[in-house]
PDB file of N, CA and C in Angstrom:
ATOM      1  N   MET A   1      10.371  32.965 -16.361  1.00  0.00           N
ATOM      2  CA  MET A   1       9.303  32.970 -16.255  1.00  0.00           C
ATOM      3  C   MET A   1       9.030  31.996 -14.670  1.00  0.00           C
ATOM      4  N   LYS A   2       8.319  32.173 -13.987  1.00  0.00           N
ATOM      5  CA  LYS A   2       7.472  31.521 -13.018  1.00  0.00           C
ATOM      6  C   LYS A   2       6.130  31.407 -12.744  1.00  0.00           C
ATOM      7  N   ALA A   3       5.962  30.342 -12.437  1.00  0.00           N
ATOM      8  CA  ALA A   3       4.600  29.571 -12.612  1.00  0.00           C
ATOM      9  C   ALA A   3       4.478  29.110 -11.155  1.00  0.00           C
ATOM     10  N   ILE A   4       3.385  29.640 -10.753  1.00  0.00           N
ATOM     11  CA  ILE A   4       2.927  29.116  -9.380  1.00  0.00           C
ATOM     12  C   ILE A   4       1.296  28.842  -9.121  1.00  0.00           C
ATOM     13  N   LEU A   5       1.125  27.571  -8.305  1.00  0.00           N
ATOM     14  CA  LEU A   5       0.099  26.649  -8.167  1.00  0.00           C
ATOM     15  C   LEU A   5      -0.144  26.676  -6.576  1.00  0.00           C
ATOM     16  N   GLU A   6      -1.526  27.454  -6.424  1.00  0.00           N
ATOM     17  CA  GLU A   6      -2.197  27.674  -5.817  1.00  0.00           C
ATOM     18  C   GLU A   6      -3.350  26.597  -5.177  1.00  0.00           C
ATOM     19  N   PHE A   7      -3.006  25.938  -4.078  1.00  0.00           N
ATOM     20  CA  PHE A   7      -3.853  25.102  -3.734  1.00  0.00           C
ATOM     21  C   PHE A   7      -4.965  25.156  -2.462  1.00  0.00           C
ATOM     22  N   ASN A   8      -5.962  24.928  -2.521  1.00  0.00           N
ATOM     23  CA  ASN A   8      -6.417  25.349  -0.756  1.00  0.00           C
ATOM     24  C   ASN A   8      -7.111  24.036   0.082  1.00  0.00           C
ATOM     25  N   LEU A   9      -5.760  23.653   0.932  1.00  0.00           N
ATOM     26  CA  LEU A   9      -5.660  22.907   2.085  1.00  0.00           C
ATOM     27  C   LEU A   9      -6.487  23.050   3.046  1.00  0.00           C
ATOM     28  N   PRO A  10      -7.292  21.975   3.151  1.00  0.00           N
ATOM     29  CA  PRO A  10      -6.827  20.410   3.054  1.00  0.00           C
ATOM     30  C   PRO A  10      -8.098  20.142   1.791  1.00  0.00           C
ATOM     31  N   GLU A  11      -9.077  21.132   1.408  1.00  0.00           N
ATOM     32  CA  GLU A  11      -9.802  21.154   0.594  1.00  0.00           C
ATOM     33  C   GLU A  11      -9.430  19.716  -0.674  1.00  0.00           C
ATOM     34  N   GLU A  12      -8.401  19.971  -1.221  1.00  0.00           N
ATOM     35  CA  GLU A  12      -7.874  20.199  -2.124  1.00  0.00           C
ATOM     36  C   GLU A  12      -6.348  19.323  -2.247  1.00  0.00           C
ATOM     37  N   ASN A  13      -6.371  18.073  -1.284  1.00  0.00           N
ATOM     38  CA  ASN A  13      -5.488  17.794  -1.347  1.00  0.00           C
ATOM     39  C   ASN A  13      -4.724  16.773  -2.254  1.00  0.00           C
ATOM     40  N   GLU A  14      -6.359  16.330  -2.831  1.00  0.00           N
ATOM     41  CA  GLU A  14      -6.077  15.147  -3.765  1.00  0.00           C
ATOM     42  C   GLU A  14      -4.965  15.884  -4.914  1.00  0.00           C
ATOM     43  N   GLU A  15      -5.448  17.468  -5.715  1.00  0.00           N
ATOM     44  CA  GLU A  15      -5.205  18.067  -6.405  1.00  0.00           C
ATOM     45  C   GLU A  15      -3.801  18.328  -6.576  1.00  0.00           C
ATOM     46  N   PHE A  16      -3.518  18.565  -4.638  1.00  0.00           N
ATOM     47  CA  PHE A  16      -2.485  19.219  -4.956  1.00  0.00           C
ATOM     48  C   PHE A  16      -0.980  17.432  -4.724  1.00  0.00           C
ATOM     49  N   GLN A  17      -1.919  16.617  -4.432  1.00  0.00           N
ATOM     50  CA  GLN A  17      -1.093  15.803  -4.332  1.00  0.00           C
ATOM     51  C   GLN A  17      -0.368  15.047  -5.458  1.00  0.00           C
ATOM     52  N   THR A  18      -1.543  15.232  -6.701  1.00  0.00           N
ATOM     53  CA  THR A  18      -1.102  14.714  -8.076  1.00  0.00           C
ATOM     54  C   THR A  18      -0.409  15.391  -8.750  1.00  0.00           C
ATOM     55  N   ALA A  19      -0.299  16.604  -8.277  1.00  0.00           N
ATOM     56  CA  ALA A  19       0.688  17.851  -9.010  1.00  0.00           C
ATOM     57  C   ALA A  19       2.482  17.823  -8.713  1.00  0.00           C
ATOM     58  N   ILE A  20       2.268  17.605  -7.417  1.00  0.00           N
ATOM     59  CA  ILE A  20       3.693  17.365  -6.830  1.00  0.00           C
ATOM     60  C   ILE A  20       4.161  15.805  -6.818  1.00  0.00           C
ATOM     61  N   ASN A  21       3.645  14.991  -7.421  1.00  0.00           N
ATOM     62  CA  ASN A  21       3.869  13.888  -7.795  1.00  0.00           C
ATOM     63  C   ASN A  21       3.773  13.685  -9.101  1.00  0.00           C
ATOM     64  N   ALA A  22       3.140  14.520 -10.011  1.00  0.00           N
ATOM     65  CA  ALA A  22       3.455  14.535 -11.307  1.00  0.00           C
ATOM     66  C   ALA A  22       4.634  13.477 -12.392  1.00  0.00           C
ATOM     67  N   ASN A  23       6.215  13.743 -11.823  1.00  0.00           N
ATOM     68  CA  ASN A  23       6.876  13.466 -12.284  1.00  0.00           C
ATOM     69  C   ASN A  23       7.236  11.962 -12.199  1.00  0.00           C
ATOM     70  N   LYS A  24       7.097  11.818 -10.989  1.00  0.00           N
ATOM     71  CA  LYS A  24       6.951  10.626 -10.541  1.00  0.00           C
ATOM     72  C   LYS A  24       6.268   9.098 -11.479  1.00  0.00           C
ATOM     73  N   TYR A  25       4.560   9.763 -11.644  1.00  0.00           N
ATOM     74  CA  TYR A  25       4.110   9.427 -12.099  1.00  0.00           C
ATOM     75  C   TYR A  25       3.725   8.543 -13.795  1.00  0.00           C
ATOM     76  N   ALA A  26       4.328   9.683 -14.669  1.00  0.00           N
ATOM     77  CA  ALA A  26       5.158   9.963 -15.793  1.00  0.00           C
ATOM     78  C   ALA A  26       6.122   9.159 -15.917  1.00  0.00           C
ATOM     79  N   SER A  27       7.067   8.626 -14.439  1.00  0.00           N
ATOM     80  CA  SER A  27       7.840   7.739 -14.280  1.00  0.00           C
ATOM     81  C   SER A  27       7.718   6.572 -14.737  1.00  0.00           C
ATOM     82  N   GLN A  28       6.422   6.219 -13.966  1.00  0.00           N
ATOM     83  CA  GLN A  28       5.711   5.157 -13.659  1.00  0.00           C
ATOM     84  C   GLN A  28       5.235   4.738 -15.138  1.00  0.00           C
ATOM     85  N   VAL A  29       4.631   5.858 -15.529  1.00  0.00           N
ATOM     86  CA  VAL A  29       4.065   4.923 -16.928  1.00  0.00           C
ATOM     87  C   VAL A  29       5.112   4.598 -18.275  1.00  0.00           C
ATOM     88  N   ASP A  30       5.704   5.483 -17.865  1.00  0.00           N
ATOM     89  CA  ASP A  30       6.889   5.323 -19.020  1.00  0.00           C
ATOM     90  C   ASP A  30       7.863   3.306 -18.339  1.00  0.00           C
ATOM     91  N   GLN A  31       7.669   3.129 -17.239  1.00  0.00           N
ATOM     92  CA  GLN A  31       8.124   1.777 -16.965  1.00  0.00           C
ATOM     93  C   GLN A  31       7.330   1.236 -17.137  1.00  0.00           C
ATOM     94  N   ILE A  32       5.908   1.253 -17.154  1.00  0.00           N
ATOM     95  CA  ILE A  32       4.532   0.432 -17.358  1.00  0.00           C
ATOM     96  C   ILE A  32       5.150  -0.041 -19.195  1.00  0.00           C
ATOM     97  N   LEU A  33       4.886   1.029 -20.202  1.00  0.00           N
ATOM     98  CA  LEU A  33       5.422   0.850 -21.165  1.00  0.00           C
ATOM     99  C   LEU A  33       6.456   0.073 -21.581  1.00  0.00           C
ATOM    100  N   GLY A  34       7.785   0.112 -21.009  1.00  0.00           N
ATOM    101  CA  GLY A  34       8.567  -0.594 -20.919  1.00  0.00           C
ATOM    102  C   GLY A  34       8.888  -2.015 -21.067  1.00  0.00           C
ATOM    103  N   LEU A  35       7.837  -2.190 -19.885  1.00  0.00           N
ATOM    104  CA  LEU A  35       7.786  -3.553 -19.427  1.00  0.00           C
ATOM    105  C   LEU A  35       6.385  -3.892 -20.479  1.00  0.00           C
ATOM    106  N   ILE A  36       5.703  -3.651 -20.914  1.00  0.00           N
ATOM    107  CA  ILE A  36       4.767  -4.013 -22.364  1.00  0.00           C
ATOM    108  C   ILE A  36       5.326  -4.493 -23.475  1.00  0.00           C
ATOM    109  N   ARG A  37       6.395  -3.168 -23.617  1.00  0.00           N
ATOM    110  CA  ARG A  37       7.386  -3.519 -25.243  1.00  0.00           C
ATOM    111  C   ARG A  37       8.142  -5.039 -24.634  1.00  0.00           C
ATOM    112  N   ARG A  38       8.560  -5.163 -24.426  1.00  0.00           N
ATOM    113  CA  ARG A  38       9.864  -5.841 -23.361  1.00  0.00           C
ATOM    114  C   ARG A  38       8.869  -7.702 -23.678  1.00  0.00           C
ATOM    115  N   LYS A  39       7.913  -7.340 -22.958  1.00  0.00           N
ATOM    116  CA  LYS A  39       7.497  -8.590 -23.132  1.00  0.00           C
ATOM    117  C   LYS A  39       6.366  -8.832 -24.530  1.00  0.00           C
ATOM    118  N   TYR A  40       6.227  -7.926 -25.143  1.00  0.00           N
ATOM    119  CA  TYR A  40       5.488  -8.724 -27.294  1.00  0.00           C
ATOM    120  C   TYR A  40       6.924  -8.297 -27.446  1.00  0.00           C
ATOM    121  N   LYS A  41       8.003  -7.955 -27.500  1.00  0.00           N
ATOM    122  CA  LYS A  41       9.238  -8.160 -28.471  1.00  0.00           C
ATOM    123  C   LYS A  41       9.761  -9.050 -27.865  1.00  0.00           C
ATOM    124  N   TYR A  42      10.360  -9.305 -26.789  1.00  0.00           N
ATOM    125  CA  TYR A  42      11.186 -10.375 -26.518  1.00  0.00           C
ATOM    126  C   TYR A  42      11.100 -12.289 -25.850  1.00  0.00           C
ATOM    127  N   GLU A  43       9.444 -11.917 -25.476  1.00  0.00           N
ATOM    128  CA  GLU A  43       9.081 -13.536 -25.329  1.00  0.00           C
ATOM    129  C   GLU A  43       8.450 -13.785 -26.562  1.00  0.00           C
ATOM    130  N   GLU A  44       8.561 -15.170 -26.179  1.00  0.00           N
ATOM    131  CA  GLU A  44       7.258 -16.155 -27.424  1.00  0.00           C
ATOM    132  C   GLU A  44       5.961 -15.886 -26.718  1.00  0.00           C
ATOM    133  N   HIS A  45       5.385 -15.327 -27.691  1.00  0.00           N
ATOM    134  CA  HIS A  45       3.677 -15.491 -27.378  1.00  0.00           C
ATOM    135  C   HIS A  45       3.120 -16.046 -28.351  1.00  0.00           C
ATOM    136  N   THR A  46       1.340 -15.725 -29.160  1.00  0.00           N
ATOM    137  CA  THR A  46       0.935 -16.346 -29.798  1.00  0.00           C
ATOM    138  C   THR A  46       1.033 -15.360 -30.401  1.00  0.00           C
ATOM    139  N   PRO A  47       0.054 -15.256 -31.875  1.00  0.00           N
ATOM    140  CA  PRO A  47       0.088 -14.097 -32.390  1.00  0.00           C
ATOM    141  C   PRO A  47      -0.828 -13.249 -31.762  1.00  0.00           C
ATOM    142  N   GLU A  48      -1.823 -13.583 -31.187  1.00  0.00           N
ATOM    143  CA  GLU A  48      -2.959 -12.787 -30.848  1.00  0.00           C
ATOM    144  C   GLU A  48      -2.606 -12.240 -29.266  1.00  0.00           C
ATOM    145  N   ILE A  49      -1.477 -12.753 -28.680  1.00  0.00           N
ATOM    146  CA  ILE A  49      -1.406 -11.702 -27.394  1.00  0.00           C
ATOM    147  C   ILE A  49       0.065 -10.500 -27.222  1.00  0.00           C
ATOM    148  N   THR A  50       0.901 -11.363 -28.881  1.00  0.00           N
ATOM    149  CA  THR A  50       1.877 -10.385 -28.769  1.00  0.00           C
ATOM    150  C   THR A  50       0.611  -8.870 -29.758  1.00  0.00           C
ATOM    151  N   GLU A  51       0.082  -9.436 -30.215  1.00  0.00           N
ATOM    152  CA  GLU A  51      -0.988  -8.126 -30.701  1.00  0.00           C
ATOM    153  C   GLU A  51      -1.291  -7.477 -30.111  1.00  0.00           C
ATOM    154  N   PHE A  52      -1.953  -7.964 -28.823  1.00  0.00           N
ATOM    155  CA  PHE A  52      -2.527  -7.521 -28.046  1.00  0.00           C
ATOM    156  C   PHE A  52      -1.673  -6.942 -26.958  1.00  0.00           C
ATOM    157  N   PHE A  53      -0.937  -7.036 -27.603  1.00  0.00           N
ATOM    158  CA  PHE A  53       0.039  -6.072 -26.388  1.00  0.00           C
ATOM    159  C   PHE A  53       0.679  -5.234 -26.864  1.00  0.00           C
ATOM    160  N   HIS A  54       0.804  -4.969 -27.599  1.00  0.00           N
ATOM    161  CA  HIS A  54       1.418  -4.450 -29.289  1.00  0.00           C
ATOM    162  C   HIS A  54      -0.157  -3.199 -29.137  1.00  0.00           C
ATOM    163  N   ASN A  55      -1.099  -3.323 -28.588  1.00  0.00           N
ATOM    164  CA  ASN A  55      -2.144  -2.586 -29.092  1.00  0.00           C
ATOM    165  C   ASN A  55      -2.559  -1.844 -27.557  1.00  0.00           C
ATOM    166  N   LEU A  56      -2.289  -2.735 -26.912  1.00  0.00           N
ATOM    167  CA  LEU A  56      -2.296  -2.207 -25.207  1.00  0.00           C
ATOM    168  C   LEU A  56      -1.331  -0.963 -25.270  1.00  0.00           C
ATOM    169  N   ARG A  57      -0.003  -1.346 -25.686  1.00  0.00           N
ATOM    170  CA  ARG A  57       0.820  -0.328 -25.539  1.00  0.00           C
ATOM    171  C   ARG A  57       0.458   0.888 -25.965  1.00  0.00           C
ATOM    172  N   ASP A  58      -0.842   0.886 -27.267  1.00  0.00           N
ATOM    173  CA  ASP A  58      -0.888   2.059 -28.625  1.00  0.00           C
ATOM    174  C   ASP A  58      -1.707   2.805 -27.161  1.00  0.00           C
ATOM    175  N   GLU A  59      -2.702   1.857 -27.007  1.00  0.00           N
ATOM    176  CA  GLU A  59      -3.859   2.556 -26.820  1.00  0.00           C
ATOM    177  C   GLU A  59      -3.078   3.289 -24.687  1.00  0.00           C
ATOM    178  N   ILE A  60      -2.282   2.978 -24.541  1.00  0.00           N
ATOM    179  CA  ILE A  60      -1.805   3.600 -23.510  1.00  0.00           C
ATOM    180  C   ILE A  60      -0.834   4.637 -23.540  1.00  0.00           C
ATOM    181  N   HIS A  61      -0.385   5.171 -24.558  1.00  0.00           N
ATOM    182  CA  HIS A  61       0.288   5.958 -25.551  1.00  0.00           C
ATOM    183  C   HIS A  61      -0.637   7.016 -26.357  1.00  0.00           C
ATOM    184  N   GLU A  62      -2.262   6.920 -26.306  1.00  0.00           N
ATOM    185  CA  GLU A  62      -3.235   7.664 -27.387  1.00  0.00           C
ATOM    186  C   GLU A  62      -3.817   8.232 -26.048  1.00  0.00           C
ATOM    187  N   ILE A  63      -3.987   7.661 -24.835  1.00  0.00           N
ATOM    188  CA  ILE A  63      -4.187   8.082 -23.438  1.00  0.00           C
ATOM    189  C   ILE A  63      -3.549   9.601 -22.754  1.00  0.00           C
ATOM    190  N   VAL A  64      -2.106   9.010 -22.513  1.00  0.00           N
ATOM    191  CA  VAL A  64      -1.192   9.926 -21.865  1.00  0.00           C
ATOM    192  C   VAL A  64      -0.793  11.240 -23.091  1.00  0.00           C
ATOM    193  N   ALA A  65      -1.327  10.539 -24.013  1.00  0.00           N
ATOM    194  CA  ALA A  65      -1.329  11.907 -25.293  1.00  0.00           C
ATOM    195  C   ALA A  65      -2.078  12.715 -24.675  1.00  0.00           C
ATOM    196  N   ASP A  66      -3.318  12.429 -24.735  1.00  0.00           N
ATOM    197  CA  ASP A  66      -4.471  12.979 -24.519  1.00  0.00           C
ATOM    198  C   ASP A  66      -4.233  13.722 -22.953  1.00  0.00           C
TER     199      ASP A  66
END
């Protein structure tokens, strides 16, 4: 199976850049989620801050899933 994406450049350059950099963006989101996880799991924080990190991570997961 093949898929071909076509863009009218330069008008659709922003969409083109998003498409060709999607893997990089996904990797960066994974790195951010890992950073948040390490912060709330391995560092000492007040219970409120720990809950904040946990909720922030969950919300980013929801955004990515949509």
